[in-house]
PDB file of N, CA and C in Angstrom:
ATOM      1  N   MET A   1       0.854  -1.167   0.000  1.00  0.00           N
ATOM      2  CA  MET A   1       0.000   0.000   0.000  1.00  0.00           C
ATOM      3  C   MET A   1       0.900   1.230   0.000  1.00  0.00           C
ATOM      4  N   ASN A   2       0.585   2.158  -0.892  1.00  0.00           N
ATOM      5  CA  ASN A   2       1.305   3.419  -0.946  1.00  0.00           C
ATOM      6  C   ASN A   2       0.515   4.449  -0.150  1.00  0.00           C
ATOM      7  N   THR A   3       1.010   4.784   1.028  1.00  0.00           N
ATOM      8  CA  THR A   3       0.308   5.729   1.895  1.00  0.00           C
ATOM      9  C   THR A   3       0.769   7.169   1.683  1.00  0.00           C
ATOM     10  N   SER A   4       1.608   7.404   0.683  1.00  0.00           N
ATOM     11  CA  SER A   4       2.042   8.775   0.401  1.00  0.00           C
ATOM     12  C   SER A   4       0.985   9.546  -0.386  1.00  0.00           C
ATOM     13  N   VAL A   5      -0.058   8.847  -0.838  1.00  0.00           N
ATOM     14  CA  VAL A   5      -1.162   9.493  -1.551  1.00  0.00           C
ATOM     15  C   VAL A   5      -2.453   9.242  -0.769  1.00  0.00           C
ATOM     16  N   HIS A   6      -3.461  10.083  -1.070  1.00  0.00           N
ATOM     17  CA  HIS A   6      -4.751   9.895  -0.399  1.00  0.00           C
ATOM     18  C   HIS A   6      -5.849   9.817  -1.438  1.00  0.00           C
ATOM     19  N   PRO A   7      -6.661   8.791  -1.449  1.00  0.00           N
ATOM     20  CA  PRO A   7      -6.582   7.639  -0.549  1.00  0.00           C
ATOM     21  C   PRO A   7      -5.365   6.785  -0.875  1.00  0.00           C
ATOM     22  N   PRO A   8      -4.921   5.966   0.064  1.00  0.00           N
ATOM     23  CA  PRO A   8      -3.771   5.106  -0.202  1.00  0.00           C
ATOM     24  C   PRO A   8      -4.002   4.236  -1.441  1.00  0.00           C
ATOM     25  N   ALA A   9      -2.954   4.049  -2.211  1.00  0.00           N
ATOM     26  CA  ALA A   9      -3.031   3.205  -3.414  1.00  0.00           C
ATOM     27  C   ALA A   9      -2.689   1.770  -3.023  1.00  0.00           C
ATOM     28  N   VAL A  10      -3.591   0.856  -3.323  1.00  0.00           N
ATOM     29  CA  VAL A  10      -3.427  -0.546  -2.946  1.00  0.00           C
ATOM     30  C   VAL A  10      -3.088  -1.355  -4.201  1.00  0.00           C
ATOM     31  N   SER A  11      -1.997  -2.108  -4.147  1.00  0.00           N
ATOM     32  CA  SER A  11      -1.619  -2.932  -5.300  1.00  0.00           C
ATOM     33  C   SER A  11      -1.947  -4.407  -5.059  1.00  0.00           C
ATOM     34  N   HIS A  12      -1.983  -4.830  -3.816  1.00  0.00           N
ATOM     35  CA  HIS A  12      -2.353  -6.202  -3.448  1.00  0.00           C
ATOM     36  C   HIS A  12      -3.275  -6.104  -2.245  1.00  0.00           C
ATOM     37  N   PHE A  13      -4.453  -6.684  -2.356  1.00  0.00           N
ATOM     38  CA  PHE A  13      -5.451  -6.577  -1.295  1.00  0.00           C
ATOM     39  C   PHE A  13      -5.545  -7.901  -0.553  1.00  0.00           C
ATOM     40  N   HIS A  14      -5.167  -7.868   0.714  1.00  0.00           N
ATOM     41  CA  HIS A  14      -5.317  -9.013   1.610  1.00  0.00           C
ATOM     42  C   HIS A  14      -6.177  -8.547   2.772  1.00  0.00           C
ATOM     43  N   HIS A  15      -7.342  -9.153   2.922  1.00  0.00           N
ATOM     44  CA  HIS A  15      -8.218  -8.784   4.037  1.00  0.00           C
ATOM     45  C   HIS A  15      -8.313  -9.944   5.015  1.00  0.00           C
ATOM     46  N   ARG A  16      -7.965  -9.666   6.248  1.00  0.00           N
ATOM     47  CA  ARG A  16      -8.073 -10.663   7.313  1.00  0.00           C
ATOM     48  C   ARG A  16      -9.318 -10.335   8.126  1.00  0.00           C
ATOM     49  N   PHE A  17     -10.264 -11.244   8.107  1.00  0.00           N
ATOM     50  CA  PHE A  17     -11.518 -11.058   8.831  1.00  0.00           C
ATOM     51  C   PHE A  17     -11.317 -11.304  10.314  1.00  0.00           C
ATOM     52  N   GLU A  18     -11.736 -10.335  11.128  1.00  0.00           N
ATOM     53  CA  GLU A  18     -11.782 -10.484  12.584  1.00  0.00           C
ATOM     54  C   GLU A  18     -13.185 -10.941  12.989  1.00  0.00           C
ATOM     55  N   GLY A  19     -14.159 -10.586  12.152  1.00  0.00           N
ATOM     56  CA  GLY A  19     -15.564 -10.925  12.335  1.00  0.00           C
ATOM     57  C   GLY A  19     -16.263 -10.668  11.018  1.00  0.00           C
ATOM     58  N   TRP A  20     -17.505 -11.113  10.915  1.00  0.00           N
ATOM     59  CA  TRP A  20     -18.284 -10.862   9.701  1.00  0.00           C
ATOM     60  C   TRP A  20     -19.743 -10.962  10.055  1.00  0.00           C
ATOM     61  N   LEU A  21     -20.497  -9.900   9.751  1.00  0.00           N
ATOM     62  CA  LEU A  21     -21.912  -9.833  10.091  1.00  0.00           C
ATOM     63  C   LEU A  21     -22.815 -10.324   8.968  1.00  0.00           C
ATOM     64  N   GLY A  22     -22.234 -10.762   7.858  1.00  0.00           N
ATOM     65  CA  GLY A  22     -23.020 -11.363   6.792  1.00  0.00           C
ATOM     66  C   GLY A  22     -23.267 -10.500   5.578  1.00  0.00           C
ATOM     67  N   ASP A  23     -22.899  -9.214   5.616  1.00  0.00           N
ATOM     68  CA  ASP A  23     -23.130  -8.348   4.465  1.00  0.00           C
ATOM     69  C   ASP A  23     -22.271  -8.782   3.280  1.00  0.00           C
ATOM     70  N   GLU A  24     -22.825  -8.594   2.076  1.00  0.00           N
ATOM     71  CA  GLU A  24     -22.130  -9.018   0.866  1.00  0.00           C
ATOM     72  C   GLU A  24     -21.404  -7.883   0.162  1.00  0.00           C
ATOM     73  N   LEU A  25     -21.485  -6.680   0.713  1.00  0.00           N
ATOM     74  CA  LEU A  25     -20.703  -5.527   0.268  1.00  0.00           C
ATOM     75  C   LEU A  25     -20.037  -4.962   1.507  1.00  0.00           C
ATOM     76  N   LEU A  26     -18.717  -4.886   1.487  1.00  0.00           N
ATOM     77  CA  LEU A  26     -17.955  -4.422   2.643  1.00  0.00           C
ATOM     78  C   LEU A  26     -17.006  -3.314   2.233  1.00  0.00           C
ATOM     79  N   GLU A  27     -16.877  -2.302   3.081  1.00  0.00           N
ATOM     80  CA  GLU A  27     -15.871  -1.268   2.874  1.00  0.00           C
ATOM     81  C   GLU A  27     -14.727  -1.522   3.830  1.00  0.00           C
ATOM     82  N   VAL A  28     -13.527  -1.555   3.285  1.00  0.00           N
ATOM     83  CA  VAL A  28     -12.299  -1.674   4.066  1.00  0.00           C
ATOM     84  C   VAL A  28     -11.398  -0.591   3.492  1.00  0.00           C
ATOM     85  N   PHE A  29     -11.548   0.634   4.002  1.00  0.00           N
ATOM     86  CA  PHE A  29     -10.924   1.801   3.390  1.00  0.00           C
ATOM     87  C   PHE A  29      -9.462   1.549   3.080  1.00  0.00           C
ATOM     88  N   PRO A  30      -9.073   1.818   1.870  1.00  0.00           N
ATOM     89  CA  PRO A  30      -9.773   2.484   0.774  1.00  0.00           C
ATOM     90  C   PRO A  30     -10.375   1.510  -0.253  1.00  0.00           C
ATOM     91  N   CYS A  31     -10.667   0.300   0.166  1.00  0.00           N
ATOM     92  CA  CYS A  31     -11.137  -0.734  -0.764  1.00  0.00           C
ATOM     93  C   CYS A  31     -12.558  -1.194  -0.435  1.00  0.00           C
ATOM     94  N   PHE A  32     -13.139  -1.907  -1.407  1.00  0.00           N
ATOM     95  CA  PHE A  32     -14.448  -2.515  -1.234  1.00  0.00           C
ATOM     96  C   PHE A  32     -14.369  -3.985  -1.613  1.00  0.00           C
ATOM     97  N   LEU A  33     -15.106  -4.801  -0.883  1.00  0.00           N
ATOM     98  CA  LEU A  33     -15.224  -6.234  -1.162  1.00  0.00           C
ATOM     99  C   LEU A  33     -16.672  -6.552  -1.477  1.00  0.00           C
ATOM    100  N   VAL A  34     -16.883  -7.483  -2.402  1.00  0.00           N
ATOM    101  CA  VAL A  34     -18.232  -7.995  -2.661  1.00  0.00           C
ATOM    102  C   VAL A  34     -18.155  -9.510  -2.716  1.00  0.00           C
ATOM    103  N   SER A  35     -19.224 -10.152  -2.298  1.00  0.00           N
ATOM    104  CA  SER A  35     -19.274 -11.607  -2.424  1.00  0.00           C
ATOM    105  C   SER A  35     -19.221 -11.954  -3.903  1.00  0.00           C
ATOM    106  N   SER A  36     -18.763 -13.141  -4.222  1.00  0.00           N
ATOM    107  CA  SER A  36     -18.688 -13.539  -5.635  1.00  0.00           C
ATOM    108  C   SER A  36     -20.081 -13.605  -6.259  1.00  0.00           C
ATOM    109  N   LEU A  37     -21.103 -13.934  -5.461  1.00  0.00           N
ATOM    110  CA  LEU A  37     -22.476 -13.934  -5.985  1.00  0.00           C
ATOM    111  C   LEU A  37     -22.929 -12.526  -6.350  1.00  0.00           C
ATOM    112  N   LEU A  38     -22.624 -11.560  -5.505  1.00  0.00           N
ATOM    113  CA  LEU A  38     -22.964 -10.177  -5.814  1.00  0.00           C
ATOM    114  C   LEU A  38     -22.141  -9.687  -7.000  1.00  0.00           C
ATOM    115  N   ALA A  39     -20.879 -10.042  -7.058  1.00  0.00           N
ATOM    116  CA  ALA A  39     -20.027  -9.655  -8.188  1.00  0.00           C
ATOM    117  C   ALA A  39     -20.632 -10.131  -9.506  1.00  0.00           C
ATOM    118  N   LYS A  40     -21.094 -11.358  -9.520  1.00  0.00           N
ATOM    119  CA  LYS A  40     -21.706 -11.926 -10.736  1.00  0.00           C
ATOM    120  C   LYS A  40     -22.959 -11.143 -11.110  1.00  0.00           C
ATOM    121  N   ALA A  41     -23.778 -10.801 -10.126  1.00  0.00           N
ATOM    122  CA  ALA A  41     -25.010 -10.048 -10.387  1.00  0.00           C
ATOM    123  C   ALA A  41     -24.700  -8.655 -10.935  1.00  0.00           C
ATOM    124  N   LEU A  42     -23.662  -8.003 -10.417  1.00  0.00           N
ATOM    125  CA  LEU A  42     -23.279  -6.679 -10.903  1.00  0.00           C
ATOM    126  C   LEU A  42     -22.845  -6.748 -12.361  1.00  0.00           C
ATOM    127  N   GLU A  43     -22.065  -7.772 -12.691  1.00  0.00           N
ATOM    128  CA  GLU A  43     -21.622  -7.945 -14.072  1.00  0.00           C
ATOM    129  C   GLU A  43     -22.805  -8.249 -14.988  1.00  0.00           C
ATOM    130  N   GLU A  44     -23.675  -9.153 -14.563  1.00  0.00           N
ATOM    131  CA  GLU A  44     -24.817  -9.546 -15.390  1.00  0.00           C
ATOM    132  C   GLU A  44     -25.782  -8.385 -15.615  1.00  0.00           C
ATOM    133  N   ALA A  45     -25.834  -7.432 -14.680  1.00  0.00           N
ATOM    134  CA  ALA A  45     -26.710  -6.271 -14.821  1.00  0.00           C
ATOM    135  C   ALA A  45     -26.130  -5.233 -15.783  1.00  0.00           C
ATOM    136  N   GLY A  46     -24.869  -5.432 -16.193  1.00  0.00           N
ATOM    137  CA  GLY A  46     -24.248  -4.502 -17.124  1.00  0.00           C
ATOM    138  C   GLY A  46     -23.925  -3.151 -16.517  1.00  0.00           C
ATOM    139  N   LEU A  47     -23.680  -3.124 -15.218  1.00  0.00           N
ATOM    140  CA  LEU A  47     -23.383  -1.868 -14.532  1.00  0.00           C
ATOM    141  C   LEU A  47     -21.982  -1.371 -14.894  1.00  0.00           C
ATOM    142  N   THR A  48     -21.768  -0.072 -14.724  1.00  0.00           N
ATOM    143  CA  THR A  48     -20.504   0.546 -15.114  1.00  0.00           C
ATOM    144  C   THR A  48     -19.814   1.182 -13.910  1.00  0.00           C
ATOM    145  N   GLY A  49     -18.536   1.536 -14.097  1.00  0.00           N
ATOM    146  CA  GLY A  49     -17.797   2.265 -13.069  1.00  0.00           C
ATOM    147  C   GLY A  49     -17.079   1.385 -12.071  1.00  0.00           C
ATOM    148  N   PHE A  50     -16.840   0.132 -12.441  1.00  0.00           N
ATOM    149  CA  PHE A  50     -16.105  -0.754 -11.538  1.00  0.00           C
ATOM    150  C   PHE A  50     -15.377  -1.830 -12.334  1.00  0.00           C
ATOM    151  N   ASN A  51     -14.369  -2.385 -11.706  1.00  0.00           N
ATOM    152  CA  ASN A  51     -13.691  -3.593 -12.166  1.00  0.00           C
ATOM    153  C   ASN A  51     -13.649  -4.548 -10.994  1.00  0.00           C
ATOM    154  N   LEU A  52     -13.580  -5.818 -11.299  1.00  0.00           N
ATOM    155  CA  LEU A  52     -13.437  -6.831 -10.254  1.00  0.00           C
ATOM    156  C   LEU A  52     -12.051  -7.432 -10.329  1.00  0.00           C
ATOM    157  N   ASP A  53     -11.480  -7.708  -9.173  1.00  0.00           N
ATOM    158  CA  ASP A  53     -10.144  -8.293  -9.111  1.00  0.00           C
ATOM    159  C   ASP A  53     -10.113  -9.298  -7.967  1.00  0.00           C
ATOM    160  N   ASP A  54      -9.040 -10.034  -7.907  1.00  0.00           N
ATOM    161  CA  ASP A  54      -8.864 -11.017  -6.843  1.00  0.00           C
ATOM    162  C   ASP A  54      -8.516 -10.324  -5.527  1.00  0.00           C
ATOM    163  N   VAL A  55      -8.921 -10.926  -4.439  1.00  0.00           N
ATOM    164  CA  VAL A  55      -8.574 -10.468  -3.107  1.00  0.00           C
ATOM    165  C   VAL A  55      -8.147 -11.693  -2.310  1.00  0.00           C
ATOM    166  N   GLU A  56      -7.129 -11.530  -1.522  1.00  0.00           N
ATOM    167  CA  GLU A  56      -6.688 -12.600  -0.627  1.00  0.00           C
ATOM    168  C   GLU A  56      -7.460 -12.450   0.680  1.00  0.00           C
ATOM    169  N   VAL A  57      -8.107 -13.515   1.108  1.00  0.00           N
ATOM    170  CA  VAL A  57      -8.937 -13.478   2.315  1.00  0.00           C
ATOM    171  C   VAL A  57      -8.414 -14.504   3.305  1.00  0.00           C
ATOM    172  N   SER A  58      -8.342 -14.090   4.564  1.00  0.00           N
ATOM    173  CA  SER A  58      -7.981 -15.012   5.639  1.00  0.00           C
ATOM    174  C   SER A  58      -8.805 -14.645   6.868  1.00  0.00           C
ATOM    175  N   THR A  59      -8.728 -15.466   7.890  1.00  0.00           N
ATOM    176  CA  THR A  59      -9.428 -15.191   9.140  1.00  0.00           C
ATOM    177  C   THR A  59      -8.428 -15.166  10.286  1.00  0.00           C
ATOM    178  N   SER A  60      -8.722 -14.338  11.268  1.00  0.00           N
ATOM    179  CA  SER A  60      -7.853 -14.209  12.435  1.00  0.00           C
ATOM    180  C   SER A  60      -8.131 -15.350  13.408  1.00  0.00           C
ATOM    181  N   PRO A  61      -7.224 -15.569  14.354  1.00  0.00           N
ATOM    182  CA  PRO A  61      -7.512 -16.551  15.401  1.00  0.00           C
ATOM    183  C   PRO A  61      -8.785 -16.204  16.186  1.00  0.00           C
ATOM    184  N   GLU A  62      -9.034 -14.899  16.377  1.00  0.00           N
ATOM    185  CA  GLU A  62     -10.244 -14.475  17.087  1.00  0.00           C
ATOM    186  C   GLU A  62     -11.495 -14.875  16.296  1.00  0.00           C
ATOM    187  N   PHE A  63     -11.458 -14.701  14.972  1.00  0.00           N
ATOM    188  CA  PHE A  63     -12.580 -15.101  14.124  1.00  0.00           C
ATOM    189  C   PHE A  63     -12.828 -16.597  14.286  1.00  0.00           C
ATOM    190  N   GLN A  64     -11.771 -17.369  14.217  1.00  0.00           N
ATOM    191  CA  GLN A  64     -11.906 -18.822  14.313  1.00  0.00           C
ATOM    192  C   GLN A  64     -12.450 -19.242  15.672  1.00  0.00           C
ATOM    193  N   GLU A  65     -12.079 -18.493  16.716  1.00  0.00           N
ATOM    194  CA  GLU A  65     -12.577 -18.797  18.061  1.00  0.00           C
ATOM    195  C   GLU A  65     -14.050 -18.411  18.210  1.00  0.00           C
ATOM    196  N   LEU A  66     -14.417 -17.243  17.657  1.00  0.00           N
ATOM    197  CA  LEU A  66     -15.795 -16.767  17.771  1.00  0.00           C
ATOM    198  C   LEU A  66     -16.763 -17.523  16.865  1.00  0.00           C
ATOM    199  N   TYR A  67     -16.289 -17.947  15.706  1.00  0.00           N
ATOM    200  CA  TYR A  67     -17.148 -18.606  14.712  1.00  0.00           C
ATOM    201  C   TYR A  67     -16.561 -19.948  14.293  1.00  0.00           C
ATOM    202  N   PRO A  68     -16.436 -20.900  15.192  1.00  0.00           N
ATOM    203  CA  PRO A  68     -15.820 -22.178  14.831  1.00  0.00           C
ATOM    204  C   PRO A  68     -16.607 -22.859  13.708  1.00  0.00           C
ATOM    205  N   GLY A  69     -15.895 -23.264  12.685  1.00  0.00           N
ATOM    206  CA  GLY A  69     -16.526 -23.969  11.576  1.00  0.00           C
ATOM    207  C   GLY A  69     -17.213 -23.085  10.561  1.00  0.00           C
ATOM    208  N   ARG A  70     -17.271 -21.761  10.795  1.00  0.00           N
ATOM    209  CA  ARG A  70     -17.933 -20.867   9.839  1.00  0.00           C
ATOM    210  C   ARG A  70     -17.048 -20.702   8.604  1.00  0.00           C
ATOM    211  N   THR A  71     -17.670 -20.860   7.451  1.00  0.00           N
ATOM    212  CA  THR A  71     -16.965 -20.689   6.188  1.00  0.00           C
ATOM    213  C   THR A  71     -17.422 -19.388   5.544  1.00  0.00           C
ATOM    214  N   LEU A  72     -16.481 -18.564   5.180  1.00  0.00           N
ATOM    215  CA  LEU A  72     -16.804 -17.318   4.495  1.00  0.00           C
ATOM    216  C   LEU A  72     -17.121 -17.603   3.034  1.00  0.00           C
ATOM    217  N   PRO A  73     -17.978 -16.785   2.430  1.00  0.00           N
ATOM    218  CA  PRO A  73     -18.179 -16.930   0.994  1.00  0.00           C
ATOM    219  C   PRO A  73     -16.933 -16.453   0.260  1.00  0.00           C
ATOM    220  N   GLU A  74     -16.862 -16.731  -1.004  1.00  0.00           N
ATOM    221  CA  GLU A  74     -15.774 -16.214  -1.824  1.00  0.00           C
ATOM    222  C   GLU A  74     -16.026 -14.721  -2.030  1.00  0.00           C
ATOM    223  N   PHE A  75     -14.982 -13.914  -1.986  1.00  0.00           N
ATOM    224  CA  PHE A  75     -15.101 -12.473  -2.183  1.00  0.00           C
ATOM    225  C   PHE A  75     -14.264 -12.028  -3.368  1.00  0.00           C
ATOM    226  N   ARG A  76     -14.662 -10.872  -3.935  1.00  0.00           N
ATOM    227  CA  ARG A  76     -13.926 -10.218  -5.014  1.00  0.00           C
ATOM    228  C   ARG A  76     -13.638  -8.780  -4.582  1.00  0.00           C
ATOM    229  N   TRP A  77     -12.581  -8.232  -5.113  1.00  0.00           N
ATOM    230  CA  TRP A  77     -12.202  -6.847  -4.871  1.00  0.00           C
ATOM    231  C   TRP A  77     -12.984  -5.984  -5.856  1.00  0.00           C
ATOM    232  N   LEU A  78     -13.806  -5.094  -5.347  1.00  0.00           N
ATOM    233  CA  LEU A  78     -14.595  -4.187  -6.173  1.00  0.00           C
ATOM    234  C   LEU A  78     -13.807  -2.884  -6.308  1.00  0.00           C
ATOM    235  N   LYS A  79     -13.198  -2.688  -7.471  1.00  0.00           N
ATOM    236  CA  LYS A  79     -12.397  -1.485  -7.728  1.00  0.00           C
ATOM    237  C   LYS A  79     -13.293  -0.449  -8.410  1.00  0.00           C
ATOM    238  N   ILE A  80     -13.428   0.693  -7.791  1.00  0.00           N
ATOM    239  CA  ILE A  80     -14.306   1.745  -8.308  1.00  0.00           C
ATOM    240  C   ILE A  80     -13.532   2.576  -9.327  1.00  0.00           C
ATOM    241  N   THR A  81     -14.086   2.635 -10.544  1.00  0.00           N
ATOM    242  CA  THR A  81     -13.424   3.354 -11.637  1.00  0.00           C
ATOM    243  C   THR A  81     -14.261   4.499 -12.188  1.00  0.00           C
ATOM    244  N   GLY A  82     -15.530   4.577 -11.810  1.00  0.00           N
ATOM    245  CA  GLY A  82     -16.416   5.621 -12.343  1.00  0.00           C
ATOM    246  C   GLY A  82     -15.975   6.998 -11.890  1.00  0.00           C
ATOM    247  N   GLU A  83     -15.985   7.930 -12.845  1.00  0.00           N
ATOM    248  CA  GLU A  83     -15.546   9.296 -12.520  1.00  0.00           C
ATOM    249  C   GLU A  83     -16.603  10.349 -12.757  1.00  0.00           C
ATOM    250  N   ASP A  84     -17.729   9.986 -13.367  1.00  0.00           N
ATOM    251  CA  ASP A  84     -18.757  10.995 -13.611  1.00  0.00           C
ATOM    252  C   ASP A  84     -20.124  10.472 -13.189  1.00  0.00           C
ATOM    253  N   ARG A  85     -21.110  11.331 -13.244  1.00  0.00           N
ATOM    254  CA  ARG A  85     -22.452  10.987 -12.782  1.00  0.00           C
ATOM    255  C   ARG A  85     -23.116   9.916 -13.633  1.00  0.00           C
ATOM    256  N   ASP A  86     -22.564   9.634 -14.821  1.00  0.00           N
ATOM    257  CA  ASP A  86     -23.142   8.612 -15.687  1.00  0.00           C
ATOM    258  C   ASP A  86     -22.744   7.200 -15.271  1.00  0.00           C
ATOM    259  N   ALA A  87     -21.699   7.076 -14.467  1.00  0.00           N
ATOM    260  CA  ALA A  87     -21.238   5.753 -14.021  1.00  0.00           C
ATOM    261  C   ALA A  87     -22.158   5.232 -12.920  1.00  0.00           C
ATOM    262  N   ASP A  88     -22.369   3.926 -12.910  1.00  0.00           N
ATOM    263  CA  ASP A  88     -23.206   3.323 -11.872  1.00  0.00           C
ATOM    264  C   ASP A  88     -22.503   3.261 -10.522  1.00  0.00           C
ATOM    265  N   PHE A  89     -21.172   3.210 -10.522  1.00  0.00           N
ATOM    266  CA  PHE A  89     -20.371   3.242  -9.297  1.00  0.00           C
ATOM    267  C   PHE A  89     -19.403   4.413  -9.412  1.00  0.00           C
ATOM    268  N   ARG A  90     -19.285   5.185  -8.337  1.00  0.00           N
ATOM    269  CA  ARG A  90     -18.328   6.287  -8.303  1.00  0.00           C
ATOM    270  C   ARG A  90     -18.042   6.625  -6.837  1.00  0.00           C
ATOM    271  N   LEU A  91     -16.992   7.377  -6.615  1.00  0.00           N
ATOM    272  CA  LEU A  91     -16.650   7.830  -5.266  1.00  0.00           C
ATOM    273  C   LEU A  91     -16.953   9.313  -5.145  1.00  0.00           C
ATOM    274  N   THR A  92     -17.456   9.717  -3.994  1.00  0.00           N
ATOM    275  CA  THR A  92     -17.687  11.130  -3.731  1.00  0.00           C
ATOM    276  C   THR A  92     -16.341  11.786  -3.415  1.00  0.00           C
ATOM    277  N   PRO A  93     -16.285  13.121  -3.377  1.00  0.00           N
ATOM    278  CA  PRO A  93     -15.009  13.786  -3.043  1.00  0.00           C
ATOM    279  C   PRO A  93     -14.430  13.357  -1.690  1.00  0.00           C
ATOM    280  N   ASP A  94     -15.290  12.914  -0.761  1.00  0.00           N
ATOM    281  CA  ASP A  94     -14.779  12.438   0.532  1.00  0.00           C
ATOM    282  C   ASP A  94     -14.661  10.906   0.566  1.00  0.00           C
ATOM    283  N   PHE A  95     -14.608  10.291  -0.620  1.00  0.00           N
ATOM    284  CA  PHE A  95     -14.307   8.866  -0.818  1.00  0.00           C
ATOM    285  C   PHE A  95     -15.381   7.906  -0.313  1.00  0.00           C
ATOM    286  N   ARG A  96     -16.615   8.369  -0.258  1.00  0.00           N
ATOM    287  CA  ARG A  96     -17.724   7.457   0.046  1.00  0.00           C
ATOM    288  C   ARG A  96     -18.238   6.873  -1.266  1.00  0.00           C
ATOM    289  N   LEU A  97     -18.781   5.683  -1.195  1.00  0.00           N
ATOM    290  CA  LEU A  97     -19.312   5.016  -2.378  1.00  0.00           C
ATOM    291  C   LEU A  97     -20.667   5.618  -2.738  1.00  0.00           C
ATOM    292  N   GLU A  98     -20.812   5.970  -4.004  1.00  0.00           N
ATOM    293  CA  GLU A  98     -22.081   6.486  -4.512  1.00  0.00           C
ATOM    294  C   GLU A  98     -22.489   5.590  -5.678  1.00  0.00           C
ATOM    295  N   VAL A  99     -23.745   5.182  -5.686  1.00  0.00           N
ATOM    296  CA  VAL A  99     -24.218   4.272  -6.729  1.00  0.00           C
ATOM    297  C   VAL A  99     -25.493   4.814  -7.364  1.00  0.00           C
ATOM    298  N   SER A 100     -25.742   4.364  -8.582  1.00  0.00           N
ATOM    299  CA  SER A 100     -26.956   4.740  -9.293  1.00  0.00           C
ATOM    300  C   SER A 100     -28.154   3.994  -8.715  1.00  0.00           C
ATOM    301  N   SER A 101     -29.341   4.443  -9.063  1.00  0.00           N
ATOM    302  CA  SER A 101     -30.549   3.756  -8.607  1.00  0.00           C
ATOM    303  C   SER A 101     -30.608   2.342  -9.189  1.00  0.00           C
ATOM    304  N   ARG A 102     -30.098   2.165 -10.415  1.00  0.00           N
ATOM    305  CA  ARG A 102     -30.015   0.824 -11.020  1.00  0.00           C
ATOM    306  C   ARG A 102     -29.169  -0.109 -10.163  1.00  0.00           C
ATOM    307  N   THR A 103     -28.049   0.414  -9.697  1.00  0.00           N
ATOM    308  CA  THR A 103     -27.154  -0.381  -8.854  1.00  0.00           C
ATOM    309  C   THR A 103     -27.816  -0.707  -7.530  1.00  0.00           C
ATOM    310  N   LEU A 104     -28.479   0.271  -6.936  1.00  0.00           N
ATOM    311  CA  LEU A 104     -29.129   0.062  -5.648  1.00  0.00           C
ATOM    312  C   LEU A 104     -30.187  -1.034  -5.735  1.00  0.00           C
ATOM    313  N   GLU A 105     -30.885  -1.114  -6.863  1.00  0.00           N
ATOM    314  CA  GLU A 105     -31.867  -2.187  -7.059  1.00  0.00           C
ATOM    315  C   GLU A 105     -31.198  -3.557  -6.978  1.00  0.00           C
ATOM    316  N   VAL A 106     -30.024  -3.686  -7.587  1.00  0.00           N
ATOM    317  CA  VAL A 106     -29.291  -4.959  -7.546  1.00  0.00           C
ATOM    318  C   VAL A 106     -28.807  -5.230  -6.128  1.00  0.00           C
ATOM    319  N   LEU A 107     -28.206  -4.227  -5.493  1.00  0.00           N
ATOM    320  CA  LEU A 107     -27.650  -4.401  -4.150  1.00  0.00           C
ATOM    321  C   LEU A 107     -28.709  -4.828  -3.142  1.00  0.00           C
ATOM    322  N   ARG A 108     -29.909  -4.309  -3.278  1.00  0.00           N
ATOM    323  CA  ARG A 108     -30.971  -4.609  -2.311  1.00  0.00           C
ATOM    324  C   ARG A 108     -31.448  -6.050  -2.375  1.00  0.00           C
ATOM    325  N   LYS A 109     -31.031  -6.800  -3.371  1.00  0.00           N
ATOM    326  CA  LYS A 109     -31.376  -8.222  -3.469  1.00  0.00           C
ATOM    327  C   LYS A 109     -30.411  -9.092  -2.671  1.00  0.00           C
ATOM    328  N   PHE A 110     -29.401  -8.465  -2.082  1.00  0.00           N
ATOM    329  CA  PHE A 110     -28.366  -9.191  -1.351  1.00  0.00           C
ATOM    330  C   PHE A 110     -28.333  -8.732   0.100  1.00  0.00           C
ATOM    331  N   LYS A 111     -27.580  -9.466   0.924  1.00  0.00           N
ATOM    332  CA  LYS A 111     -27.492  -9.143   2.349  1.00  0.00           C
ATOM    333  C   LYS A 111     -26.648  -7.882   2.544  1.00  0.00           C
ATOM    334  N   MET A 112     -27.301  -6.848   3.054  1.00  0.00           N
ATOM    335  CA  MET A 112     -26.627  -5.574   3.338  1.00  0.00           C
ATOM    336  C   MET A 112     -27.255  -4.930   4.566  1.00  0.00           C
ATOM    337  N   ALA A 113     -27.514  -5.715   5.578  1.00  0.00           N
ATOM    338  CA  ALA A 113     -28.224  -5.240   6.765  1.00  0.00           C
ATOM    339  C   ALA A 113     -27.482  -4.134   7.516  1.00  0.00           C
ATOM    340  N   HIS A 114     -26.173  -4.044   7.361  1.00  0.00           N
ATOM    341  CA  HIS A 114     -25.391  -3.087   8.141  1.00  0.00           C
ATOM    342  C   HIS A 114     -24.883  -1.922   7.307  1.00  0.00           C
ATOM    343  N   ALA A 115     -25.322  -1.836   6.051  1.00  0.00           N
ATOM    344  CA  ALA A 115     -24.904  -0.732   5.182  1.00  0.00           C
ATOM    345  C   ALA A 115     -25.669   0.521   5.552  1.00  0.00           C
ATOM    346  N   MET A 116     -24.989   1.656   5.508  1.00  0.00           N
ATOM    347  CA  MET A 116     -25.637   2.945   5.703  1.00  0.00           C
ATOM    348  C   MET A 116     -25.957   3.495   4.315  1.00  0.00           C
ATOM    349  N   ILE A 117     -27.237   3.651   4.028  1.00  0.00           N
ATOM    350  CA  ILE A 117     -27.653   4.131   2.711  1.00  0.00           C
ATOM    351  C   ILE A 117     -28.327   5.476   2.878  1.00  0.00           C
ATOM    352  N   ASP A 118     -27.736   6.492   2.251  1.00  0.00           N
ATOM    353  CA  ASP A 118     -28.278   7.847   2.278  1.00  0.00           C
ATOM    354  C   ASP A 118     -28.738   8.205   0.877  1.00  0.00           C
ATOM    355  N   PRO A 119     -29.954   8.744   0.729  1.00  0.00           N
ATOM    356  CA  PRO A 119     -30.401   9.174  -0.601  1.00  0.00           C
ATOM    357  C   PRO A 119     -29.549  10.350  -1.077  1.00  0.00           C
ATOM    358  N   SER A 120     -29.237  10.339  -2.377  1.00  0.00           N
ATOM    359  CA  SER A 120     -28.375  11.388  -2.914  1.00  0.00           C
ATOM    360  C   SER A 120     -29.109  12.689  -3.174  1.00  0.00           C
ATOM    361  N   GLY A 121     -30.415  12.614  -3.293  1.00  0.00           N
ATOM    362  CA  GLY A 121     -31.176  13.824  -3.547  1.00  0.00           C
ATOM    363  C   GLY A 121     -31.427  14.084  -5.014  1.00  0.00           C
ATOM    364  N   ASP A 122     -30.958  13.191  -5.923  1.00  0.00           N
ATOM    365  CA  ASP A 122     -31.240  13.407  -7.345  1.00  0.00           C
ATOM    366  C   ASP A 122     -32.581  12.817  -7.671  1.00  0.00           C
TER     367      ASP A 122
END
């Protein structure tokens, strides 16, 4: 990770889970993770403003102690590439994820009980 820029530039994403509440879209600043099922749905919907990449996932000893036998789903790295209002995925100036209404329709079909969703006002 290059921390000399903001947001930090990540070249290899390894996320170690300490816990997991079941959501299929996760923010791990400055990155986002999506379950492979959600990733497939995003691609099939023809949404724009993102690329998918591999992510290395592991669990901490605390995770293993708290959730013995729990298997995590497969995850993908959701790289946000949208730069204008026409993209379905984009970042706000303060690096929050902003999505189109089309995208929100897809996301709402998946587990996102802990996501904070604010209407954009458009």
